[in-house]
Amino acid sequence: MLNKMLAVTAVLAMGVGLGTWQAQASQAPAPTSAATVDMGPEPAGFQRHAVLPYEGSYMGHDMYYRTIRFDYRGGRILNFRVNHTTGFPAPMVTGHQFHHTCHGSLCLRGQWTDDVTVEGVWNNTSGGEAHFTANLFAH
């Protein structure tokens, strides 16, 4: 009888010990702060820079494959046209973006995604809107 009780006690003791080990093993490691992790030097050519829009003529297309053309000079978007439609505003560019600006029923907004690529939206006040992308082709 004593052997059975010792065997039961040994099994229970092992179960408690294993349970503690399993509980410790299932815990996630303590998180480390990104500020303390040394990521090493940046790869060559990976230096970040501000987007500096190039002046010149841009051409691209909207989501319906209509031709987009405009000029960027003196801090303004000039002569914006979709196919042959003119009459768009001439918004001021601040940094790398131009905010929603309307002239008559035609509106325009967008930003440079790099020094020579513009992504934006043109719309008319009756509700139609189209996204466009244009790239510098002459400067």
N, C-alpha and C. Protein backbone atom coordinates (compact mmCIF):
# COMPACT_ATOMS: atom_id res chain seq x y z
N MET A 1 0.81 -1.18 0.00
CA MET A 1 0.00 0.00 0.00
C MET A 1 0.88 1.26 0.00
N LEU A 2 1.91 1.22 0.75
CA LEU A 2 2.83 2.34 0.83
C LEU A 2 3.48 2.59 -0.53
N ASN A 3 3.79 1.51 -1.26
CA ASN A 3 4.39 1.67 -2.59
C ASN A 3 3.41 2.38 -3.55
N LYS A 4 2.12 2.03 -3.46
CA LYS A 4 1.12 2.66 -4.33
C LYS A 4 1.01 4.15 -4.02
N MET A 5 1.02 4.49 -2.73
CA MET A 5 0.90 5.89 -2.34
C MET A 5 2.14 6.68 -2.79
N LEU A 6 3.33 6.06 -2.69
CA LEU A 6 4.54 6.73 -3.14
C LEU A 6 4.53 6.89 -4.66
N ALA A 7 4.01 5.89 -5.36
CA ALA A 7 3.93 5.97 -6.81
C ALA A 7 2.99 7.09 -7.24
N VAL A 8 1.84 7.20 -6.56
CA VAL A 8 0.88 8.26 -6.87
C VAL A 8 1.49 9.62 -6.57
N THR A 9 2.18 9.74 -5.45
CA THR A 9 2.82 11.00 -5.07
C THR A 9 3.90 11.36 -6.08
N ALA A 10 4.66 10.38 -6.56
CA ALA A 10 5.71 10.65 -7.54
C ALA A 10 5.11 11.13 -8.86
N VAL A 11 4.01 10.50 -9.28
CA VAL A 11 3.35 10.91 -10.53
C VAL A 11 2.81 12.33 -10.40
N LEU A 12 2.19 12.62 -9.26
CA LEU A 12 1.66 13.97 -9.04
C LEU A 12 2.78 15.01 -9.01
N ALA A 13 3.88 14.67 -8.36
CA ALA A 13 5.01 15.58 -8.28
C ALA A 13 5.58 15.84 -9.67
N MET A 14 5.65 14.80 -10.49
CA MET A 14 6.15 14.98 -11.85
C MET A 14 5.19 15.83 -12.68
N GLY A 15 3.88 15.62 -12.48
CA GLY A 15 2.88 16.39 -13.21
C GLY A 15 2.97 17.86 -12.87
N VAL A 16 3.15 18.18 -11.61
CA VAL A 16 3.28 19.57 -11.19
C VAL A 16 4.56 20.16 -11.78
N GLY A 17 5.62 19.39 -11.75
CA GLY A 17 6.89 19.86 -12.31
C GLY A 17 6.80 20.08 -13.80
N LEU A 18 6.17 19.15 -14.52
CA LEU A 18 6.01 19.31 -15.96
C LEU A 18 5.08 20.47 -16.29
N GLY A 19 4.04 20.62 -15.48
CA GLY A 19 3.12 21.73 -15.71
C GLY A 19 3.83 23.06 -15.60
N THR A 20 4.72 23.20 -14.64
CA THR A 20 5.48 24.43 -14.49
C THR A 20 6.39 24.64 -15.69
N TRP A 21 7.05 23.56 -16.14
CA TRP A 21 7.94 23.66 -17.29
C TRP A 21 7.15 24.04 -18.54
N GLN A 22 5.97 23.42 -18.74
CA GLN A 22 5.16 23.73 -19.91
C GLN A 22 4.67 25.18 -19.87
N ALA A 23 4.30 25.65 -18.70
CA ALA A 23 3.83 27.02 -18.58
C ALA A 23 4.96 28.00 -18.93
N GLN A 24 6.18 27.70 -18.51
CA GLN A 24 7.30 28.58 -18.82
C GLN A 24 7.65 28.51 -20.31
N ALA A 25 7.57 27.33 -20.87
CA ALA A 25 7.93 27.16 -22.28
C ALA A 25 6.91 27.83 -23.20
N SER A 26 5.65 27.92 -22.77
CA SER A 26 4.62 28.49 -23.64
C SER A 26 4.56 30.01 -23.55
N GLN A 27 5.31 30.61 -22.66
CA GLN A 27 5.30 32.06 -22.56
C GLN A 27 6.14 32.67 -23.67
N ALA A 28 5.64 33.75 -24.23
CA ALA A 28 6.39 34.46 -25.27
C ALA A 28 7.59 35.15 -24.64
N PRO A 29 8.68 35.26 -25.38
CA PRO A 29 9.83 35.98 -24.84
C PRO A 29 9.48 37.44 -24.62
N ALA A 30 10.15 38.06 -23.71
CA ALA A 30 9.91 39.47 -23.42
C ALA A 30 10.19 40.30 -24.66
N PRO A 31 9.28 41.23 -25.00
CA PRO A 31 9.51 42.06 -26.19
C PRO A 31 10.70 42.98 -25.99
N THR A 32 11.37 43.26 -27.11
CA THR A 32 12.49 44.19 -27.05
C THR A 32 12.06 45.48 -27.72
N SER A 33 12.56 46.57 -27.30
CA SER A 33 12.25 47.86 -27.88
C SER A 33 13.04 48.04 -29.16
N ALA A 34 12.38 48.57 -30.20
CA ALA A 34 13.07 48.81 -31.47
C ALA A 34 14.19 49.82 -31.28
N ALA A 35 14.05 50.67 -30.26
CA ALA A 35 15.07 51.67 -30.02
C ALA A 35 16.37 51.05 -29.51
N THR A 36 16.27 49.86 -28.94
CA THR A 36 17.47 49.23 -28.40
C THR A 36 18.10 48.24 -29.36
N VAL A 37 17.40 47.93 -30.45
CA VAL A 37 17.91 46.97 -31.42
C VAL A 37 18.83 47.69 -32.39
N ASP A 38 20.04 47.21 -32.55
CA ASP A 38 20.99 47.82 -33.48
C ASP A 38 20.76 47.21 -34.86
N MET A 39 20.22 48.02 -35.76
CA MET A 39 19.92 47.54 -37.11
C MET A 39 21.13 47.65 -38.03
N GLY A 40 22.20 48.21 -37.53
CA GLY A 40 23.40 48.35 -38.34
C GLY A 40 23.29 49.54 -39.28
N PRO A 41 24.30 49.75 -40.08
CA PRO A 41 24.27 50.89 -41.01
C PRO A 41 23.28 50.64 -42.14
N GLU A 42 22.75 51.74 -42.70
CA GLU A 42 21.85 51.62 -43.84
C GLU A 42 22.63 51.12 -45.05
N PRO A 43 22.00 50.31 -45.90
CA PRO A 43 22.69 49.85 -47.11
C PRO A 43 23.07 51.03 -48.00
N ALA A 44 24.09 50.86 -48.79
CA ALA A 44 24.54 51.92 -49.70
C ALA A 44 23.40 52.28 -50.65
N GLY A 45 23.21 53.55 -50.89
CA GLY A 45 22.16 54.00 -51.80
C GLY A 45 20.79 54.03 -51.17
N PHE A 46 20.68 53.83 -49.87
CA PHE A 46 19.39 53.75 -49.21
C PHE A 46 19.09 55.02 -48.41
N GLN A 47 19.85 56.06 -48.59
CA GLN A 47 19.61 57.28 -47.83
C GLN A 47 18.26 57.85 -48.22
N ARG A 48 17.50 58.24 -47.22
CA ARG A 48 16.20 58.83 -47.47
C ARG A 48 16.38 60.30 -47.85
N HIS A 49 15.53 60.77 -48.72
CA HIS A 49 15.60 62.17 -49.09
C HIS A 49 14.19 62.71 -49.28
N ALA A 50 14.09 63.99 -49.20
CA ALA A 50 12.80 64.64 -49.42
C ALA A 50 12.45 64.59 -50.90
N VAL A 51 11.16 64.56 -51.19
CA VAL A 51 10.72 64.62 -52.58
C VAL A 51 10.84 66.06 -53.04
N LEU A 52 11.61 66.27 -54.09
CA LEU A 52 11.82 67.60 -54.66
C LEU A 52 11.31 67.61 -56.09
N PRO A 53 10.08 68.09 -56.30
CA PRO A 53 9.48 68.04 -57.64
C PRO A 53 10.33 68.76 -58.69
N TYR A 54 10.56 68.09 -59.80
CA TYR A 54 11.28 68.70 -60.92
C TYR A 54 10.33 69.57 -61.72
N GLU A 55 10.80 70.73 -62.12
CA GLU A 55 10.01 71.57 -63.03
C GLU A 55 10.10 70.98 -64.43
N GLY A 56 9.02 71.13 -65.18
CA GLY A 56 9.01 70.65 -66.55
C GLY A 56 7.62 70.22 -66.97
N SER A 57 7.56 69.48 -68.06
CA SER A 57 6.31 68.99 -68.62
C SER A 57 6.09 67.54 -68.20
N TYR A 58 4.88 67.25 -67.80
CA TYR A 58 4.51 65.91 -67.32
C TYR A 58 3.43 65.33 -68.23
N MET A 59 3.47 64.02 -68.38
CA MET A 59 2.47 63.34 -69.18
C MET A 59 2.18 61.98 -68.55
N GLY A 60 0.92 61.56 -68.62
CA GLY A 60 0.53 60.26 -68.08
C GLY A 60 -0.88 59.92 -68.52
N HIS A 61 -1.58 59.18 -67.67
CA HIS A 61 -2.96 58.83 -68.00
C HIS A 61 -3.76 58.64 -66.72
N ASP A 62 -5.08 58.74 -66.86
CA ASP A 62 -5.94 58.50 -65.72
C ASP A 62 -6.41 57.05 -65.74
N MET A 63 -7.26 56.70 -64.80
CA MET A 63 -7.70 55.31 -64.67
C MET A 63 -8.55 54.85 -65.84
N TYR A 64 -8.99 55.77 -66.68
CA TYR A 64 -9.76 55.43 -67.87
C TYR A 64 -8.90 55.56 -69.13
N TYR A 65 -7.59 55.66 -68.96
CA TYR A 65 -6.60 55.76 -70.03
C TYR A 65 -6.74 57.01 -70.88
N ARG A 66 -7.29 58.08 -70.29
CA ARG A 66 -7.30 59.37 -70.97
C ARG A 66 -5.94 60.02 -70.73
N THR A 67 -5.44 60.71 -71.72
CA THR A 67 -4.13 61.35 -71.62
C THR A 67 -4.18 62.54 -70.68
N ILE A 68 -3.21 62.60 -69.76
CA ILE A 68 -3.05 63.71 -68.83
C ILE A 68 -1.77 64.44 -69.20
N ARG A 69 -1.83 65.77 -69.30
CA ARG A 69 -0.63 66.58 -69.56
C ARG A 69 -0.71 67.83 -68.71
N PHE A 70 0.44 68.27 -68.21
CA PHE A 70 0.52 69.55 -67.51
C PHE A 70 1.97 69.97 -67.39
N ASP A 71 2.15 71.22 -67.02
CA ASP A 71 3.48 71.76 -66.78
C ASP A 71 3.58 72.13 -65.31
N TYR A 72 4.76 71.97 -64.75
CA TYR A 72 5.02 72.42 -63.39
C TYR A 72 6.14 73.44 -63.46
N ARG A 73 5.80 74.70 -63.16
CA ARG A 73 6.79 75.78 -63.20
C ARG A 73 6.43 76.81 -62.13
N GLY A 74 7.45 77.37 -61.51
CA GLY A 74 7.23 78.44 -60.54
C GLY A 74 6.33 78.07 -59.38
N GLY A 75 6.36 76.80 -58.99
CA GLY A 75 5.54 76.36 -57.85
C GLY A 75 4.07 76.18 -58.15
N ARG A 76 3.70 76.08 -59.44
CA ARG A 76 2.29 75.90 -59.82
C ARG A 76 2.15 74.81 -60.87
N ILE A 77 0.99 74.17 -60.84
CA ILE A 77 0.57 73.25 -61.90
C ILE A 77 -0.09 74.13 -62.96
N LEU A 78 0.41 74.10 -64.17
CA LEU A 78 -0.11 74.94 -65.25
C LEU A 78 -0.57 74.09 -66.43
N ASN A 79 -1.56 74.59 -67.15
CA ASN A 79 -2.02 73.97 -68.41
C ASN A 79 -2.44 72.51 -68.22
N PHE A 80 -3.06 72.17 -67.09
CA PHE A 80 -3.51 70.79 -66.88
C PHE A 80 -4.63 70.50 -67.88
N ARG A 81 -4.52 69.38 -68.55
CA ARG A 81 -5.55 68.99 -69.51
C ARG A 81 -5.72 67.47 -69.52
N VAL A 82 -6.95 67.08 -69.76
CA VAL A 82 -7.31 65.67 -69.90
C VAL A 82 -7.79 65.51 -71.33
N ASN A 83 -7.06 64.67 -72.09
CA ASN A 83 -7.24 64.62 -73.54
C ASN A 83 -7.11 66.05 -74.04
N HIS A 84 -8.17 66.66 -74.53
CA HIS A 84 -8.09 68.05 -74.99
C HIS A 84 -8.92 68.99 -74.13
N THR A 85 -9.39 68.50 -72.98
CA THR A 85 -10.20 69.33 -72.08
C THR A 85 -9.28 70.23 -71.27
N THR A 86 -9.54 71.52 -71.32
CA THR A 86 -8.76 72.50 -70.56
C THR A 86 -9.70 73.18 -69.57
N GLY A 87 -9.20 74.19 -68.88
CA GLY A 87 -10.04 74.94 -67.94
C GLY A 87 -9.86 74.48 -66.50
N PHE A 88 -8.83 73.68 -66.26
CA PHE A 88 -8.56 73.23 -64.89
C PHE A 88 -7.88 74.36 -64.11
N PRO A 89 -7.93 74.29 -62.78
CA PRO A 89 -7.26 75.31 -61.97
C PRO A 89 -5.74 75.20 -62.10
N ALA A 90 -5.04 76.21 -61.61
CA ALA A 90 -3.57 76.21 -61.58
C ALA A 90 -3.15 76.24 -60.10
N PRO A 91 -3.24 75.08 -59.43
CA PRO A 91 -2.99 75.07 -57.98
C PRO A 91 -1.53 75.33 -57.63
N MET A 92 -1.33 75.95 -56.47
CA MET A 92 0.01 76.13 -55.91
C MET A 92 0.50 74.80 -55.37
N VAL A 93 1.77 74.52 -55.52
CA VAL A 93 2.38 73.31 -54.97
C VAL A 93 3.07 73.70 -53.68
N THR A 94 2.76 72.99 -52.61
CA THR A 94 3.38 73.22 -51.31
C THR A 94 4.18 71.97 -50.96
N GLY A 95 5.49 72.09 -50.90
CA GLY A 95 6.31 70.91 -50.65
C GLY A 95 6.24 69.98 -51.83
N HIS A 96 5.58 68.84 -51.64
CA HIS A 96 5.44 67.87 -52.72
C HIS A 96 3.97 67.62 -53.09
N GLN A 97 3.06 68.50 -52.62
CA GLN A 97 1.65 68.24 -52.90
C GLN A 97 0.90 69.52 -53.28
N PHE A 98 -0.22 69.31 -53.93
CA PHE A 98 -1.13 70.41 -54.24
C PHE A 98 -2.51 69.99 -53.75
N HIS A 99 -3.11 70.89 -52.98
CA HIS A 99 -4.38 70.59 -52.33
C HIS A 99 -5.55 70.79 -53.29
N HIS A 100 -6.69 70.24 -52.91
CA HIS A 100 -7.91 70.29 -53.72
C HIS A 100 -8.22 71.74 -54.10
N THR A 101 -8.19 72.01 -55.40
CA THR A 101 -8.43 73.35 -55.93
C THR A 101 -9.38 73.23 -57.10
N CYS A 102 -10.37 74.11 -57.17
CA CYS A 102 -11.34 74.06 -58.25
C CYS A 102 -11.35 75.37 -59.04
N HIS A 103 -11.70 75.26 -60.31
CA HIS A 103 -11.92 76.42 -61.18
C HIS A 103 -13.13 76.06 -62.02
N GLY A 104 -14.19 76.82 -61.87
CA GLY A 104 -15.43 76.45 -62.54
C GLY A 104 -15.91 75.12 -61.97
N SER A 105 -16.12 74.15 -62.83
CA SER A 105 -16.59 72.85 -62.35
C SER A 105 -15.48 71.79 -62.32
N LEU A 106 -14.23 72.18 -62.61
CA LEU A 106 -13.13 71.22 -62.66
C LEU A 106 -12.21 71.40 -61.46
N CYS A 107 -11.85 70.28 -60.82
CA CYS A 107 -11.03 70.30 -59.62
C CYS A 107 -9.84 69.37 -59.77
N LEU A 108 -8.83 69.65 -58.95
CA LEU A 108 -7.56 68.93 -59.06
C LEU A 108 -6.89 68.85 -57.70
N ARG A 109 -6.26 67.71 -57.39
CA ARG A 109 -5.43 67.56 -56.19
C ARG A 109 -4.45 66.43 -56.44
N GLY A 110 -3.31 66.43 -55.71
CA GLY A 110 -2.36 65.35 -55.89
C GLY A 110 -1.05 65.62 -55.18
N GLN A 111 -0.07 64.75 -55.47
CA GLN A 111 1.24 64.87 -54.84
C GLN A 111 2.29 64.12 -55.66
N TRP A 112 3.53 64.54 -55.48
CA TRP A 112 4.65 63.83 -56.08
C TRP A 112 4.96 62.64 -55.19
N THR A 113 5.14 61.48 -55.79
CA THR A 113 5.55 60.29 -55.03
C THR A 113 7.05 60.12 -55.06
N ASP A 114 7.69 60.70 -56.05
CA ASP A 114 9.14 60.85 -56.10
C ASP A 114 9.40 62.11 -56.90
N ASP A 115 10.64 62.42 -57.18
CA ASP A 115 10.97 63.70 -57.80
C ASP A 115 10.35 63.93 -59.18
N VAL A 116 9.95 62.87 -59.87
CA VAL A 116 9.47 63.01 -61.24
C VAL A 116 8.14 62.30 -61.50
N THR A 117 7.43 61.86 -60.45
CA THR A 117 6.17 61.15 -60.61
C THR A 117 5.09 61.80 -59.76
N VAL A 118 3.95 62.08 -60.39
CA VAL A 118 2.81 62.71 -59.71
C VAL A 118 1.64 61.74 -59.74
N GLU A 119 0.98 61.59 -58.59
CA GLU A 119 -0.27 60.85 -58.51
C GLU A 119 -1.32 61.80 -57.97
N GLY A 120 -2.49 61.77 -58.55
CA GLY A 120 -3.52 62.69 -58.11
C GLY A 120 -4.91 62.28 -58.55
N VAL A 121 -5.84 63.20 -58.35
CA VAL A 121 -7.24 63.00 -58.71
C VAL A 121 -7.74 64.27 -59.38
N TRP A 122 -8.43 64.10 -60.48
CA TRP A 122 -9.14 65.23 -61.07
C TRP A 122 -10.61 64.87 -61.04
N ASN A 123 -11.45 65.88 -60.90
CA ASN A 123 -12.89 65.62 -60.88
C ASN A 123 -13.65 66.84 -61.35
N ASN A 124 -14.92 66.62 -61.63
CA ASN A 124 -15.81 67.75 -61.89
C ASN A 124 -16.83 67.79 -60.76
N THR A 125 -17.40 68.93 -60.53
CA THR A 125 -18.27 69.11 -59.37
C THR A 125 -19.58 68.34 -59.49
N SER A 126 -19.87 67.78 -60.66
CA SER A 126 -21.09 66.99 -60.80
C SER A 126 -20.88 65.56 -60.27
N GLY A 127 -19.67 65.25 -59.82
CA GLY A 127 -19.47 63.97 -59.14
C GLY A 127 -18.50 63.01 -59.78
N GLY A 128 -18.14 63.18 -61.04
CA GLY A 128 -17.19 62.26 -61.67
C GLY A 128 -15.78 62.53 -61.17
N GLU A 129 -15.01 61.46 -60.98
CA GLU A 129 -13.66 61.60 -60.45
C GLU A 129 -12.77 60.52 -61.07
N ALA A 130 -11.51 60.86 -61.32
CA ALA A 130 -10.58 59.89 -61.89
C ALA A 130 -9.19 60.09 -61.30
N HIS A 131 -8.56 59.00 -60.93
CA HIS A 131 -7.17 59.01 -60.43
C HIS A 131 -6.23 59.01 -61.61
N PHE A 132 -5.09 59.68 -61.45
CA PHE A 132 -4.13 59.73 -62.55
C PHE A 132 -2.71 59.59 -62.02
N THR A 133 -1.82 59.22 -62.93
CA THR A 133 -0.38 59.18 -62.68
C THR A 133 0.29 59.83 -63.89
N ALA A 134 1.26 60.71 -63.61
CA ALA A 134 2.00 61.37 -64.68
C ALA A 134 3.47 61.42 -64.33
N ASN A 135 4.31 61.38 -65.36
CA ASN A 135 5.75 61.41 -65.16
C ASN A 135 6.36 62.55 -65.97
N LEU A 136 7.47 63.06 -65.46
CA LEU A 136 8.21 64.10 -66.16
C LEU A 136 8.70 63.54 -67.49
N PHE A 137 8.46 64.28 -68.60
CA PHE A 137 9.00 63.81 -69.87
C PHE A 137 9.85 64.86 -70.55
N ALA A 138 9.85 66.09 -70.07
CA ALA A 138 10.73 67.12 -70.63
C ALA A 138 10.97 68.17 -69.56
N HIS A 139 12.26 68.52 -69.39
CA HIS A 139 12.54 69.59 -68.42
C HIS A 139 13.76 70.37 -68.80
